[in-house]
Amino acid sequence: MNKIYVWDLPTRLFHWSLVALVAFQWLSGEMEDELMELHLLGGYAILALVVFRLLWGFAGGPYARFGNFLRGVGPTLEYARALRANNAPRYLGHNPLGGWMIVALLAMLALQGVTGLFASDDVMSAGPLRHLVSDQVGELLTELHEGSFTVLMILVVLHVASILAHRLFKGENLVKPMLTGYKDSGTAD
């Protein structure tokens, strides 16, 4: 089978950097006091990555561009029905559901990063912009920061489950191309 270069280096570096940073953010958020300064730095790094990915979604390689993988409601539902009937077409880049998962993950990461700038544990640490909002708004943003992490983790689990399902039910390895950049042009990896 022919190999096609699908995931460019910036997209792959973004992806795996984000995986490492989200894992670190979870760990450092749980340890609170010991790693809070690093947690803040990790949050800045994630915000920078999200901004990069938004820009790369317009200026990056063909498969990284939002226009290549974001579909409207109709085509997305059609793909979901085909997937349920086990006759969904194969996509070299993101399929319509995967495209919307990318948007959801980026939105939740942005929400996490922005609310973290205003969050506080009311004891030892606070986001760098906490002083700009009232106590009531700060508490609300702190709750949103903590609660939205659960939503982010649900999305991550769905993302990983989808990758496993593609491997198990469609015989398509989605991890290898995210490591190498290349995907087989045929029906399965």
C-alpha atoms as a PDB file:
ATOM      1  CA  MET A   1       0.000   0.000   0.000  1.00  0.00           C
ATOM      2  CA  ASN A   2       1.073   3.554  -0.608  1.00  0.00           C
ATOM      3  CA  LYS A   3       1.910   5.748   2.339  1.00  0.00           C
ATOM      4  CA  ILE A   4       0.441   9.238   2.426  1.00  0.00           C
ATOM      5  CA  TYR A   5       1.882  12.012   4.576  1.00  0.00           C
ATOM      6  CA  VAL A   6      -1.144  13.063   6.619  1.00  0.00           C
ATOM      7  CA  TRP A   7       0.020  14.493   9.955  1.00  0.00           C
ATOM      8  CA  ASP A   8       2.729  17.113   9.592  1.00  0.00           C
ATOM      9  CA  LEU A   9       5.391  17.537  12.260  1.00  0.00           C
ATOM     10  CA  PRO A  10       3.817  20.618  13.902  1.00  0.00           C
ATOM     11  CA  THR A  11       0.489  18.788  14.270  1.00  0.00           C
ATOM     12  CA  ARG A  12       2.169  15.743  15.787  1.00  0.00           C
ATOM     13  CA  LEU A  13       4.322  17.810  18.152  1.00  0.00           C
ATOM     14  CA  PHE A  14       1.226  19.742  19.210  1.00  0.00           C
ATOM     15  CA  HIS A  15      -0.697  16.518  19.866  1.00  0.00           C
ATOM     16  CA  TRP A  16       1.925  14.714  21.924  1.00  0.00           C
ATOM     17  CA  SER A  17       2.951  17.865  23.813  1.00  0.00           C
ATOM     18  CA  LEU A  18      -0.684  18.354  24.723  1.00  0.00           C
ATOM     19  CA  VAL A  19      -1.003  14.740  25.896  1.00  0.00           C
ATOM     20  CA  ALA A  20       2.018  15.168  28.183  1.00  0.00           C
ATOM     21  CA  LEU A  21       0.880  18.561  29.482  1.00  0.00           C
ATOM     22  CA  VAL A  22      -2.685  17.464  30.237  1.00  0.00           C
ATOM     23  CA  ALA A  23      -1.349  14.454  32.148  1.00  0.00           C
ATOM     24  CA  PHE A  24       1.016  16.735  34.049  1.00  0.00           C
ATOM     25  CA  GLN A  25      -1.773  19.244  34.764  1.00  0.00           C
ATOM     26  CA  TRP A  26      -3.910  16.486  36.231  1.00  0.00           C
ATOM     27  CA  LEU A  27      -1.049  15.307  38.443  1.00  0.00           C
ATOM     28  CA  SER A  28       0.027  18.776  39.522  1.00  0.00           C
ATOM     29  CA  GLY A  29      -3.572  19.815  40.176  1.00  0.00           C
ATOM     30  CA  GLU A  30      -3.993  16.832  42.477  1.00  0.00           C
ATOM     31  CA  MET A  31      -0.770  17.567  44.358  1.00  0.00           C
ATOM     32  CA  GLU A  32      -1.704  21.257  44.656  1.00  0.00           C
ATOM     33  CA  ASP A  33       0.845  22.946  46.920  1.00  0.00           C
ATOM     34  CA  GLU A  34       3.932  21.032  45.852  1.00  0.00           C
ATOM     35  CA  LEU A  35       3.545  21.646  42.119  1.00  0.00           C
ATOM     36  CA  MET A  36       1.277  24.681  41.829  1.00  0.00           C
ATOM     37  CA  GLU A  37       3.911  26.941  40.276  1.00  0.00           C
ATOM     38  CA  LEU A  38       4.563  24.295  37.631  1.00  0.00           C
ATOM     39  CA  HIS A  39       0.807  23.844  37.231  1.00  0.00           C
ATOM     40  CA  LEU A  40       0.539  27.534  36.344  1.00  0.00           C
ATOM     41  CA  LEU A  41       3.366  27.214  33.818  1.00  0.00           C
ATOM     42  CA  GLY A  42       1.716  24.136  32.337  1.00  0.00           C
ATOM     43  CA  GLY A  43      -1.500  26.102  31.968  1.00  0.00           C
ATOM     44  CA  TYR A  44       0.330  28.828  30.057  1.00  0.00           C
ATOM     45  CA  ALA A  45       1.878  26.194  27.813  1.00  0.00           C
ATOM     46  CA  ILE A  46      -1.518  24.641  27.093  1.00  0.00           C
ATOM     47  CA  LEU A  47      -3.001  28.036  26.257  1.00  0.00           C
ATOM     48  CA  ALA A  48      -0.085  28.675  23.900  1.00  0.00           C
ATOM     49  CA  LEU A  49      -0.642  25.284  22.264  1.00  0.00           C
ATOM     50  CA  VAL A  50      -4.367  25.974  21.834  1.00  0.00           C
ATOM     51  CA  VAL A  51      -3.604  29.325  20.188  1.00  0.00           C
ATOM     52  CA  PHE A  52      -1.053  27.608  17.948  1.00  0.00           C
ATOM     53  CA  ARG A  53      -3.567  24.908  16.961  1.00  0.00           C
ATOM     54  CA  LEU A  54      -6.240  27.476  16.163  1.00  0.00           C
ATOM     55  CA  LEU A  55      -3.799  29.285  13.872  1.00  0.00           C
ATOM     56  CA  TRP A  56      -2.534  25.998  12.430  1.00  0.00           C
ATOM     57  CA  GLY A  57      -6.134  25.052  11.702  1.00  0.00           C
ATOM     58  CA  PHE A  58      -6.128  27.789   9.064  1.00  0.00           C
ATOM     59  CA  ALA A  59      -2.488  27.890   7.954  1.00  0.00           C
ATOM     60  CA  GLY A  60      -1.236  24.341   8.524  1.00  0.00           C
ATOM     61  CA  GLY A  61      -0.982  21.322   6.305  1.00  0.00           C
ATOM     62  CA  PRO A  62      -4.041  20.143   4.388  1.00  0.00           C
ATOM     63  CA  TYR A  63      -5.156  17.558   6.963  1.00  0.00           C
ATOM     64  CA  ALA A  64      -4.615  19.945   9.890  1.00  0.00           C
ATOM     65  CA  ARG A  65      -6.922  22.591   8.453  1.00  0.00           C
ATOM     66  CA  PHE A  66     -10.386  22.928   9.946  1.00  0.00           C
ATOM     67  CA  GLY A  67     -11.848  23.261   6.457  1.00  0.00           C
ATOM     68  CA  ASN A  68     -10.607  19.749   5.697  1.00  0.00           C
ATOM     69  CA  PHE A  69     -12.372  18.013   8.563  1.00  0.00           C
ATOM     70  CA  LEU A  70     -15.183  20.142   9.983  1.00  0.00           C
ATOM     71  CA  ARG A  71     -18.523  19.185   8.475  1.00  0.00           C
ATOM     72  CA  GLY A  72     -22.014  20.466   9.040  1.00  0.00           C
ATOM     73  CA  VAL A  73     -24.698  18.761  11.090  1.00  0.00           C
ATOM     74  CA  GLY A  74     -26.127  16.795   8.155  1.00  0.00           C
ATOM     75  CA  PRO A  75     -22.883  15.163   6.985  1.00  0.00           C
ATOM     76  CA  THR A  76     -21.833  14.517  10.589  1.00  0.00           C
ATOM     77  CA  LEU A  77     -25.111  12.749  11.408  1.00  0.00           C
ATOM     78  CA  GLU A  78     -24.880  10.836   8.129  1.00  0.00           C
ATOM     79  CA  TYR A  79     -21.390   9.668   9.086  1.00  0.00           C
ATOM     80  CA  ALA A  80     -22.636   8.670  12.572  1.00  0.00           C
ATOM     81  CA  ARG A  81     -25.456   6.597  11.013  1.00  0.00           C
ATOM     82  CA  ALA A  82     -22.998   4.938   8.640  1.00  0.00           C
ATOM     83  CA  LEU A  83     -20.666   4.236  11.545  1.00  0.00           C
ATOM     84  CA  ARG A  84     -23.495   2.628  13.497  1.00  0.00           C
ATOM     85  CA  ALA A  85     -24.384   0.504  10.456  1.00  0.00           C
ATOM     86  CA  ASN A  86     -20.707  -0.474  10.181  1.00  0.00           C
ATOM     87  CA  ASN A  87     -20.282   1.004   6.706  1.00  0.00           C
ATOM     88  CA  ALA A  88     -18.709   4.370   7.461  1.00  0.00           C
ATOM     89  CA  PRO A  89     -16.200   5.602   4.915  1.00  0.00           C
ATOM     90  CA  ARG A  90     -12.537   5.814   5.826  1.00  0.00           C
ATOM     91  CA  TYR A  91     -10.920   9.241   6.084  1.00  0.00           C
ATOM     92  CA  LEU A  92      -7.223   9.928   5.783  1.00  0.00           C
ATOM     93  CA  GLY A  93      -7.557  12.830   8.224  1.00  0.00           C
ATOM     94  CA  HIS A  94     -10.244  13.321  10.843  1.00  0.00           C
ATOM     95  CA  ASN A  95     -13.686  11.928  10.128  1.00  0.00           C
ATOM     96  CA  PRO A  96     -16.649  14.280  10.789  1.00  0.00           C
ATOM     97  CA  LEU A  97     -17.145  13.070  14.383  1.00  0.00           C
ATOM     98  CA  GLY A  98     -13.406  13.251  15.047  1.00  0.00           C
ATOM     99  CA  GLY A  99     -13.347  16.783  13.682  1.00  0.00           C
ATOM    100  CA  TRP A 100     -15.982  17.912  16.138  1.00  0.00           C
ATOM    101  CA  MET A 101     -14.129  16.102  18.930  1.00  0.00           C
ATOM    102  CA  ILE A 102     -11.079  18.225  18.120  1.00  0.00           C
ATOM    103  CA  VAL A 103     -13.202  21.375  18.412  1.00  0.00           C
ATOM    104  CA  ALA A 104     -14.689  20.180  21.726  1.00  0.00           C
ATOM    105  CA  LEU A 105     -11.257  19.331  23.149  1.00  0.00           C
ATOM    106  CA  LEU A 106      -9.780  22.667  22.081  1.00  0.00           C
ATOM    107  CA  ALA A 107     -12.767  24.524  23.557  1.00  0.00           C
ATOM    108  CA  MET A 108     -12.463  22.696  26.884  1.00  0.00           C
ATOM    109  CA  LEU A 109      -8.697  23.250  26.995  1.00  0.00           C
ATOM    110  CA  ALA A 110      -9.213  26.956  26.321  1.00  0.00           C
ATOM    111  CA  LEU A 111     -11.875  27.093  29.050  1.00  0.00           C
ATOM    112  CA  GLN A 112      -9.500  25.356  31.457  1.00  0.00           C
ATOM    113  CA  GLY A 113      -6.666  27.725  30.645  1.00  0.00           C
ATOM    114  CA  VAL A 114      -8.674  30.930  30.797  1.00  0.00           C
ATOM    115  CA  THR A 115     -10.531  30.052  34.008  1.00  0.00           C
ATOM    116  CA  GLY A 116      -7.218  28.976  35.547  1.00  0.00           C
ATOM    117  CA  LEU A 117      -5.918  32.506  35.085  1.00  0.00           C
ATOM    118  CA  PHE A 118      -8.600  33.684  37.535  1.00  0.00           C
ATOM    119  CA  ALA A 119      -8.866  30.628  39.814  1.00  0.00           C
ATOM    120  CA  SER A 120      -7.758  30.504  43.443  1.00  0.00           C
ATOM    121  CA  ASP A 121      -7.515  27.927  46.183  1.00  0.00           C
ATOM    122  CA  ASP A 122      -8.173  30.713  48.722  1.00  0.00           C
ATOM    123  CA  VAL A 123      -5.095  29.664  50.678  1.00  0.00           C
ATOM    124  CA  MET A 124      -1.729  29.678  48.952  1.00  0.00           C
ATOM    125  CA  SER A 125      -2.073  30.150  45.230  1.00  0.00           C
ATOM    126  CA  ALA A 126      -4.099  32.058  42.714  1.00  0.00           C
ATOM    127  CA  GLY A 127      -4.060  32.580  38.990  1.00  0.00           C
ATOM    128  CA  PRO A 128      -2.171  35.662  37.821  1.00  0.00           C
ATOM    129  CA  LEU A 129      -5.363  37.542  36.910  1.00  0.00           C
ATOM    130  CA  ARG A 130      -7.343  36.645  40.040  1.00  0.00           C
ATOM    131  CA  HIS A 131      -6.973  40.163  41.424  1.00  0.00           C
ATOM    132  CA  LEU A 132      -8.887  41.592  38.446  1.00  0.00           C
ATOM    133  CA  VAL A 133     -12.223  40.021  39.411  1.00  0.00           C
ATOM    134  CA  SER A 134     -14.449  40.131  42.470  1.00  0.00           C
ATOM    135  CA  ASP A 135     -14.418  37.334  45.035  1.00  0.00           C
ATOM    136  CA  GLN A 136     -17.773  36.094  43.743  1.00  0.00           C
ATOM    137  CA  VAL A 137     -16.594  35.966  40.114  1.00  0.00           C
ATOM    138  CA  GLY A 138     -13.294  34.409  41.227  1.00  0.00           C
ATOM    139  CA  GLU A 139     -15.144  31.660  43.089  1.00  0.00           C
ATOM    140  CA  LEU A 140     -17.358  31.010  40.075  1.00  0.00           C
ATOM    141  CA  LEU A 141     -14.342  30.788  37.750  1.00  0.00           C
ATOM    142  CA  THR A 142     -12.558  28.503  40.213  1.00  0.00           C
ATOM    143  CA  GLU A 143     -15.563  26.161  40.303  1.00  0.00           C
ATOM    144  CA  LEU A 144     -15.765  26.260  36.517  1.00  0.00           C
ATOM    145  CA  HIS A 145     -12.039  25.508  36.268  1.00  0.00           C
ATOM    146  CA  GLU A 146     -12.375  22.494  38.548  1.00  0.00           C
ATOM    147  CA  GLY A 147     -15.669  21.229  37.127  1.00  0.00           C
ATOM    148  CA  SER A 148     -14.748  21.606  33.488  1.00  0.00           C
ATOM    149  CA  PHE A 149     -11.715  19.399  34.042  1.00  0.00           C
ATOM    150  CA  THR A 150     -14.133  16.514  34.566  1.00  0.00           C
ATOM    151  CA  VAL A 151     -15.766  17.299  31.222  1.00  0.00           C
ATOM    152  CA  LEU A 152     -12.311  17.465  29.613  1.00  0.00           C
ATOM    153  CA  MET A 153     -11.443  14.042  31.030  1.00  0.00           C
ATOM    154  CA  ILE A 154     -14.712  12.591  29.681  1.00  0.00           C
ATOM    155  CA  LEU A 155     -13.810  13.942  26.241  1.00  0.00           C
ATOM    156  CA  VAL A 156     -10.303  12.477  26.522  1.00  0.00           C
ATOM    157  CA  VAL A 157     -11.745   9.063  27.446  1.00  0.00           C
ATOM    158  CA  LEU A 158     -14.136   9.237  24.470  1.00  0.00           C
ATOM    159  CA  HIS A 159     -11.248  10.248  22.209  1.00  0.00           C
ATOM    160  CA  VAL A 160      -9.086   7.324  23.345  1.00  0.00           C
ATOM    161  CA  ALA A 161     -12.063   4.919  23.192  1.00  0.00           C
ATOM    162  CA  SER A 162     -12.713   5.998  19.598  1.00  0.00           C
ATOM    163  CA  ILE A 163      -9.088   5.316  18.699  1.00  0.00           C
ATOM    164  CA  LEU A 164      -9.336   1.857  20.283  1.00  0.00           C
ATOM    165  CA  ALA A 165     -12.651   1.168  18.534  1.00  0.00           C
ATOM    166  CA  HIS A 166     -11.120   2.071  15.174  1.00  0.00           C
ATOM    167  CA  ARG A 167      -8.329  -0.393  15.873  1.00  0.00           C
ATOM    168  CA  LEU A 168     -10.570  -3.201  17.114  1.00  0.00           C
ATOM    169  CA  PHE A 169     -13.566  -2.890  14.798  1.00  0.00           C
ATOM    170  CA  LYS A 170     -12.152  -1.296  11.665  1.00  0.00           C
ATOM    171  CA  GLY A 171      -8.605  -2.602  11.846  1.00  0.00           C
ATOM    172  CA  GLU A 172      -7.264   0.924  11.518  1.00  0.00           C
ATOM    173  CA  ASN A 173      -4.277   1.999  13.601  1.00  0.00           C
ATOM    174  CA  LEU A 174      -4.695   5.721  14.294  1.00  0.00           C
ATOM    175  CA  VAL A 175      -1.776   6.007  16.721  1.00  0.00           C
ATOM    176  CA  LYS A 176       1.010   5.027  14.341  1.00  0.00           C
ATOM    177  CA  PRO A 177       0.245   7.838  11.852  1.00  0.00           C
ATOM    178  CA  MET A 178       0.214  10.342  14.729  1.00  0.00           C
ATOM    179  CA  LEU A 179       3.749   9.141  15.524  1.00  0.00           C
ATOM    180  CA  THR A 180       5.162   8.824  12.009  1.00  0.00           C
ATOM    181  CA  GLY A 181       2.991  11.242  10.030  1.00  0.00           C
ATOM    182  CA  TYR A 182       2.226   8.586   7.407  1.00  0.00           C
ATOM    183  CA  LYS A 183      -0.967   6.666   6.836  1.00  0.00           C
ATOM    184  CA  ASP A 184      -1.647   3.821   4.422  1.00  0.00           C
ATOM    185  CA  SER A 185      -3.822   4.908   1.536  1.00  0.00           C
ATOM    186  CA  GLY A 186      -5.739   1.601   1.661  1.00  0.00           C
ATOM    187  CA  THR A 187      -8.683   0.640   3.811  1.00  0.00           C
ATOM    188  CA  ALA A 188      -6.786  -0.317   6.969  1.00  0.00           C
ATOM    189  CA  ASP A 189      -3.385  -0.007   8.619  1.00  0.00           C
END
